């Protein structure tokens, strides 16, 4: 397995309930190996021409790059936001055992 095929996907949700629902569905579909939920993230942004802010729950999702498009489609289906944050960051280094675990757990499609 190549290290650069493993990614962390960041998704913000309106609250912990929504984040749990999304994470649970992604796990059920084997689109992610793990989700970390961080409550109380203060987000500041421009939306529809105005500066706005909210408190959200951040999801840090570990998966394989090959599953990103399916993950995006699933999140968009479940998410309450019109334009949810869904961004992927490469994992450039990591424990070999952990990276292998991610690859073993997610779908092989």
N, C-alpha and C. Protein backbone atom coordinates (compact mmCIF):
# COMPACT_ATOMS: atom_id res chain seq x y z
N UNK A 1 0.84 -1.19 0.00
CA UNK A 1 0.00 0.00 0.00
C UNK A 1 0.88 1.24 0.00
N UNK A 2 0.52 2.22 -0.82
CA UNK A 2 1.26 3.47 -0.87
C UNK A 2 0.69 4.43 0.16
N UNK A 3 1.57 5.08 0.91
CA UNK A 3 1.14 6.01 1.94
C UNK A 3 0.27 7.13 1.36
N UNK A 4 0.59 7.61 0.16
CA UNK A 4 -0.14 8.76 -0.37
C UNK A 4 -1.56 8.43 -0.82
N UNK A 5 -1.98 7.18 -0.75
CA UNK A 5 -3.35 6.84 -1.11
C UNK A 5 -4.30 6.98 0.08
N UNK A 6 -3.76 7.18 1.27
CA UNK A 6 -4.57 7.34 2.47
C UNK A 6 -4.79 8.83 2.70
N UNK A 7 -6.06 9.20 3.00
CA UNK A 7 -6.40 10.61 3.17
C UNK A 7 -7.20 10.82 4.45
N UNK A 8 -7.18 12.07 4.90
CA UNK A 8 -8.07 12.53 5.97
C UNK A 8 -9.04 13.50 5.31
N UNK A 9 -10.33 13.25 5.50
CA UNK A 9 -11.35 14.12 4.94
C UNK A 9 -11.96 14.92 6.09
N UNK A 10 -11.99 16.24 5.93
CA UNK A 10 -12.57 17.13 6.92
C UNK A 10 -13.96 17.53 6.47
N UNK A 11 -14.93 17.35 7.35
CA UNK A 11 -16.32 17.73 7.08
C UNK A 11 -16.85 18.39 8.35
N UNK A 12 -17.46 19.56 8.20
CA UNK A 12 -18.12 20.19 9.34
C UNK A 12 -19.62 19.91 9.25
N UNK A 13 -20.24 19.73 10.40
CA UNK A 13 -21.68 19.48 10.48
C UNK A 13 -22.29 20.48 11.44
N UNK A 14 -23.60 20.69 11.34
CA UNK A 14 -24.25 21.71 12.17
C UNK A 14 -24.24 21.35 13.65
N UNK A 15 -24.15 20.04 13.98
CA UNK A 15 -24.11 19.63 15.38
C UNK A 15 -23.64 18.18 15.49
N UNK A 16 -23.51 17.71 16.72
CA UNK A 16 -23.01 16.36 16.95
C UNK A 16 -23.98 15.30 16.43
N UNK A 17 -25.26 15.56 16.52
CA UNK A 17 -26.25 14.60 16.05
C UNK A 17 -26.09 14.35 14.56
N UNK A 18 -25.98 15.43 13.80
CA UNK A 18 -25.79 15.28 12.36
C UNK A 18 -24.46 14.59 12.05
N UNK A 19 -23.41 14.97 12.74
CA UNK A 19 -22.09 14.36 12.52
C UNK A 19 -22.12 12.86 12.82
N UNK A 20 -22.78 12.48 13.90
CA UNK A 20 -22.89 11.05 14.23
C UNK A 20 -23.64 10.28 13.15
N UNK A 21 -24.71 10.87 12.65
CA UNK A 21 -25.50 10.22 11.59
C UNK A 21 -24.64 10.00 10.35
N UNK A 22 -23.95 11.04 9.93
CA UNK A 22 -23.11 10.95 8.73
C UNK A 22 -21.99 9.93 8.94
N UNK A 23 -21.29 10.03 10.07
CA UNK A 23 -20.19 9.10 10.35
C UNK A 23 -20.69 7.66 10.39
N UNK A 24 -21.83 7.43 11.03
CA UNK A 24 -22.38 6.09 11.11
C UNK A 24 -22.69 5.50 9.75
N UNK A 25 -23.28 6.30 8.87
CA UNK A 25 -23.60 5.83 7.53
C UNK A 25 -22.34 5.55 6.71
N UNK A 26 -21.33 6.41 6.85
CA UNK A 26 -20.08 6.19 6.13
C UNK A 26 -19.38 4.93 6.61
N UNK A 27 -19.42 4.68 7.91
CA UNK A 27 -18.84 3.44 8.46
C UNK A 27 -19.62 2.22 7.97
N UNK A 28 -20.93 2.31 8.00
CA UNK A 28 -21.78 1.19 7.56
C UNK A 28 -21.47 0.82 6.11
N UNK A 29 -21.26 1.83 5.27
CA UNK A 29 -20.97 1.61 3.86
C UNK A 29 -19.49 1.32 3.58
N UNK A 30 -18.68 1.28 4.64
CA UNK A 30 -17.24 1.03 4.54
C UNK A 30 -16.52 2.04 3.66
N UNK A 31 -17.01 3.27 3.71
CA UNK A 31 -16.35 4.35 2.99
C UNK A 31 -15.27 5.02 3.83
N UNK A 32 -15.29 4.77 5.13
CA UNK A 32 -14.25 5.27 6.03
C UNK A 32 -13.88 4.16 7.01
N UNK A 33 -12.69 4.29 7.57
CA UNK A 33 -12.24 3.36 8.61
C UNK A 33 -12.49 3.92 9.99
N UNK A 34 -12.51 5.26 10.09
CA UNK A 34 -12.57 5.90 11.40
C UNK A 34 -13.10 7.32 11.24
N UNK A 35 -13.83 7.78 12.25
CA UNK A 35 -14.29 9.17 12.30
C UNK A 35 -14.01 9.71 13.68
N UNK A 36 -13.34 10.84 13.74
CA UNK A 36 -13.17 11.58 14.99
C UNK A 36 -14.09 12.78 14.92
N UNK A 37 -14.88 12.99 15.97
CA UNK A 37 -15.82 14.11 16.02
C UNK A 37 -15.34 15.10 17.07
N UNK A 38 -15.19 16.35 16.67
CA UNK A 38 -14.71 17.40 17.55
C UNK A 38 -15.81 18.45 17.66
N UNK A 39 -16.44 18.50 18.82
CA UNK A 39 -17.53 19.47 19.06
C UNK A 39 -16.97 20.85 19.36
N UNK A 40 -17.82 21.85 19.12
CA UNK A 40 -17.49 23.20 19.55
C UNK A 40 -16.51 23.94 18.66
N UNK A 41 -16.38 23.53 17.40
CA UNK A 41 -15.50 24.23 16.48
C UNK A 41 -16.18 25.53 16.08
N UNK A 42 -15.50 26.64 16.27
CA UNK A 42 -16.04 27.94 15.90
C UNK A 42 -15.62 28.24 14.47
N UNK A 43 -16.58 28.35 13.58
CA UNK A 43 -16.31 28.59 12.17
C UNK A 43 -16.74 30.01 11.79
N UNK A 44 -15.86 30.70 11.09
CA UNK A 44 -16.14 32.02 10.55
C UNK A 44 -15.99 31.92 9.04
N UNK A 45 -16.93 32.51 8.30
CA UNK A 45 -16.94 32.33 6.86
C UNK A 45 -17.76 33.43 6.19
N UNK A 46 -17.61 33.53 4.87
CA UNK A 46 -18.44 34.40 4.07
C UNK A 46 -19.47 33.53 3.38
N UNK A 47 -20.74 33.87 3.53
CA UNK A 47 -21.82 33.11 2.89
C UNK A 47 -22.82 34.11 2.33
N UNK A 48 -23.11 33.98 1.05
CA UNK A 48 -24.05 34.84 0.35
C UNK A 48 -23.72 36.32 0.57
N UNK A 49 -22.42 36.62 0.46
CA UNK A 49 -21.96 37.99 0.52
C UNK A 49 -21.81 38.59 1.90
N UNK A 50 -22.09 37.81 2.95
CA UNK A 50 -22.01 38.33 4.32
C UNK A 50 -21.05 37.49 5.15
N UNK A 51 -20.39 38.14 6.09
CA UNK A 51 -19.57 37.42 7.05
C UNK A 51 -20.51 36.80 8.08
N UNK A 52 -20.28 35.54 8.38
CA UNK A 52 -21.14 34.82 9.32
C UNK A 52 -20.26 33.92 10.18
N UNK A 53 -20.86 33.33 11.19
CA UNK A 53 -20.13 32.38 12.04
C UNK A 53 -21.12 31.43 12.68
N UNK A 54 -20.61 30.28 13.08
CA UNK A 54 -21.44 29.30 13.78
C UNK A 54 -20.54 28.34 14.54
N UNK A 55 -21.15 27.63 15.45
CA UNK A 55 -20.46 26.57 16.16
C UNK A 55 -20.86 25.25 15.51
N UNK A 56 -19.87 24.46 15.16
CA UNK A 56 -20.12 23.23 14.41
C UNK A 56 -19.38 22.06 15.06
N UNK A 57 -19.63 20.88 14.52
CA UNK A 57 -18.87 19.69 14.88
C UNK A 57 -18.02 19.31 13.68
N UNK A 58 -16.73 19.17 13.90
CA UNK A 58 -15.79 18.80 12.85
C UNK A 58 -15.62 17.29 12.84
N UNK A 59 -15.74 16.71 11.66
CA UNK A 59 -15.45 15.28 11.48
C UNK A 59 -14.11 15.15 10.77
N UNK A 60 -13.26 14.31 11.32
CA UNK A 60 -12.00 13.95 10.67
C UNK A 60 -12.13 12.48 10.29
N UNK A 61 -12.23 12.24 8.99
CA UNK A 61 -12.54 10.91 8.47
C UNK A 61 -11.31 10.32 7.79
N UNK A 62 -10.97 9.08 8.14
CA UNK A 62 -9.82 8.43 7.53
C UNK A 62 -10.29 7.40 6.51
N UNK A 63 -9.72 7.50 5.29
CA UNK A 63 -10.14 6.62 4.20
C UNK A 63 -9.06 6.54 3.13
N UNK A 64 -9.43 5.94 2.01
CA UNK A 64 -8.55 5.85 0.85
C UNK A 64 -9.02 6.84 -0.21
N UNK A 65 -8.07 7.41 -0.92
CA UNK A 65 -8.38 8.41 -1.95
C UNK A 65 -9.34 7.86 -2.99
N UNK A 66 -9.25 6.60 -3.32
CA UNK A 66 -10.11 5.99 -4.34
C UNK A 66 -11.58 6.03 -3.96
N UNK A 67 -11.90 6.24 -2.67
CA UNK A 67 -13.28 6.27 -2.20
C UNK A 67 -13.84 7.68 -2.04
N UNK A 68 -13.02 8.69 -2.35
CA UNK A 68 -13.41 10.08 -2.08
C UNK A 68 -14.70 10.49 -2.78
N UNK A 69 -14.85 10.19 -4.05
CA UNK A 69 -16.05 10.62 -4.78
C UNK A 69 -17.31 9.98 -4.21
N UNK A 70 -17.25 8.72 -3.83
CA UNK A 70 -18.40 8.06 -3.21
C UNK A 70 -18.70 8.67 -1.85
N UNK A 71 -17.65 8.99 -1.09
CA UNK A 71 -17.82 9.63 0.21
C UNK A 71 -18.50 10.98 0.05
N UNK A 72 -18.05 11.77 -0.91
CA UNK A 72 -18.65 13.09 -1.15
C UNK A 72 -20.13 12.95 -1.48
N UNK A 73 -20.47 12.04 -2.36
CA UNK A 73 -21.87 11.84 -2.75
C UNK A 73 -22.73 11.46 -1.54
N UNK A 74 -22.21 10.59 -0.69
CA UNK A 74 -22.96 10.16 0.50
C UNK A 74 -23.13 11.32 1.48
N UNK A 75 -22.06 12.06 1.74
CA UNK A 75 -22.15 13.20 2.66
C UNK A 75 -23.15 14.22 2.15
N UNK A 76 -23.09 14.54 0.86
CA UNK A 76 -24.01 15.53 0.30
C UNK A 76 -25.46 15.07 0.43
N UNK A 77 -25.70 13.78 0.33
CA UNK A 77 -27.06 13.23 0.45
C UNK A 77 -27.58 13.38 1.89
N UNK A 78 -26.70 13.22 2.88
CA UNK A 78 -27.10 13.21 4.28
C UNK A 78 -27.01 14.56 4.97
N UNK A 79 -26.24 15.47 4.41
CA UNK A 79 -25.90 16.73 5.07
C UNK A 79 -27.02 17.76 4.94
N UNK A 80 -27.18 18.59 5.97
CA UNK A 80 -28.22 19.62 5.95
C UNK A 80 -27.76 20.90 5.24
N UNK A 81 -26.45 21.09 5.05
CA UNK A 81 -25.96 22.32 4.42
C UNK A 81 -26.11 22.24 2.91
N UNK A 82 -26.37 23.39 2.31
CA UNK A 82 -26.43 23.48 0.85
C UNK A 82 -25.06 23.19 0.24
N UNK A 83 -24.01 23.72 0.87
CA UNK A 83 -22.64 23.53 0.38
C UNK A 83 -21.75 23.10 1.56
N UNK A 84 -21.79 21.81 1.91
CA UNK A 84 -20.98 21.37 3.05
C UNK A 84 -19.48 21.39 2.73
N UNK A 85 -18.71 21.63 3.77
CA UNK A 85 -17.25 21.52 3.65
C UNK A 85 -16.92 20.04 3.55
N UNK A 86 -16.26 19.66 2.46
CA UNK A 86 -15.76 18.30 2.29
C UNK A 86 -14.42 18.44 1.59
N UNK A 87 -13.34 18.39 2.36
CA UNK A 87 -12.01 18.55 1.78
C UNK A 87 -11.12 17.40 2.23
N UNK A 88 -10.21 17.01 1.36
CA UNK A 88 -9.31 15.90 1.66
C UNK A 88 -7.87 16.38 1.74
N UNK A 89 -7.17 15.83 2.72
CA UNK A 89 -5.75 16.11 2.91
C UNK A 89 -4.99 14.80 2.82
N UNK A 90 -3.86 14.78 2.12
CA UNK A 90 -3.09 13.54 2.05
C UNK A 90 -2.40 13.25 3.38
N UNK A 91 -2.27 11.99 3.69
CA UNK A 91 -1.43 11.58 4.81
C UNK A 91 -0.08 11.25 4.20
N UNK A 92 0.93 12.06 4.50
CA UNK A 92 2.23 11.87 3.87
C UNK A 92 3.09 10.87 4.61
N UNK A 93 2.82 10.68 5.87
CA UNK A 93 3.53 9.69 6.68
C UNK A 93 2.57 9.16 7.73
N UNK A 94 2.83 7.97 8.22
CA UNK A 94 2.01 7.40 9.28
C UNK A 94 2.52 6.04 9.66
N UNK A 95 2.06 5.55 10.77
CA UNK A 95 2.40 4.21 11.21
C UNK A 95 1.94 3.21 10.15
N UNK A 96 2.83 2.36 9.72
CA UNK A 96 2.49 1.36 8.72
C UNK A 96 1.32 0.49 9.12
N UNK A 97 1.28 0.08 10.39
CA UNK A 97 0.18 -0.75 10.87
C UNK A 97 -1.15 0.00 10.81
N UNK A 98 -1.16 1.27 11.18
CA UNK A 98 -2.39 2.06 11.15
C UNK A 98 -2.87 2.27 9.72
N UNK A 99 -1.96 2.62 8.83
CA UNK A 99 -2.33 2.83 7.43
C UNK A 99 -2.85 1.54 6.81
N UNK A 100 -2.25 0.43 7.16
CA UNK A 100 -2.72 -0.86 6.65
C UNK A 100 -4.10 -1.17 7.18
N UNK A 101 -4.35 -0.84 8.46
CA UNK A 101 -5.67 -1.06 9.06
C UNK A 101 -6.73 -0.29 8.29
N UNK A 102 -6.45 0.97 7.96
CA UNK A 102 -7.41 1.76 7.19
C UNK A 102 -7.72 1.06 5.87
N UNK A 103 -6.69 0.62 5.17
CA UNK A 103 -6.88 -0.05 3.89
C UNK A 103 -7.66 -1.35 4.05
N UNK A 104 -7.41 -2.08 5.13
CA UNK A 104 -8.10 -3.35 5.36
C UNK A 104 -9.58 -3.18 5.68
N UNK A 105 -9.95 -2.06 6.33
CA UNK A 105 -11.31 -1.86 6.84
C UNK A 105 -12.26 -1.32 5.78
N UNK A 106 -11.77 -0.45 4.89
CA UNK A 106 -12.67 0.17 3.93
C UNK A 106 -12.98 -0.78 2.77
N UNK A 107 -14.03 -0.44 2.03
CA UNK A 107 -14.47 -1.27 0.91
C UNK A 107 -13.38 -1.46 -0.14
N UNK A 108 -13.40 -2.58 -0.79
CA UNK A 108 -12.37 -2.88 -1.81
C UNK A 108 -12.86 -2.58 -3.22
N UNK A 109 -13.99 -1.93 -3.38
CA UNK A 109 -14.56 -1.61 -4.71
C UNK A 109 -13.58 -0.85 -5.55
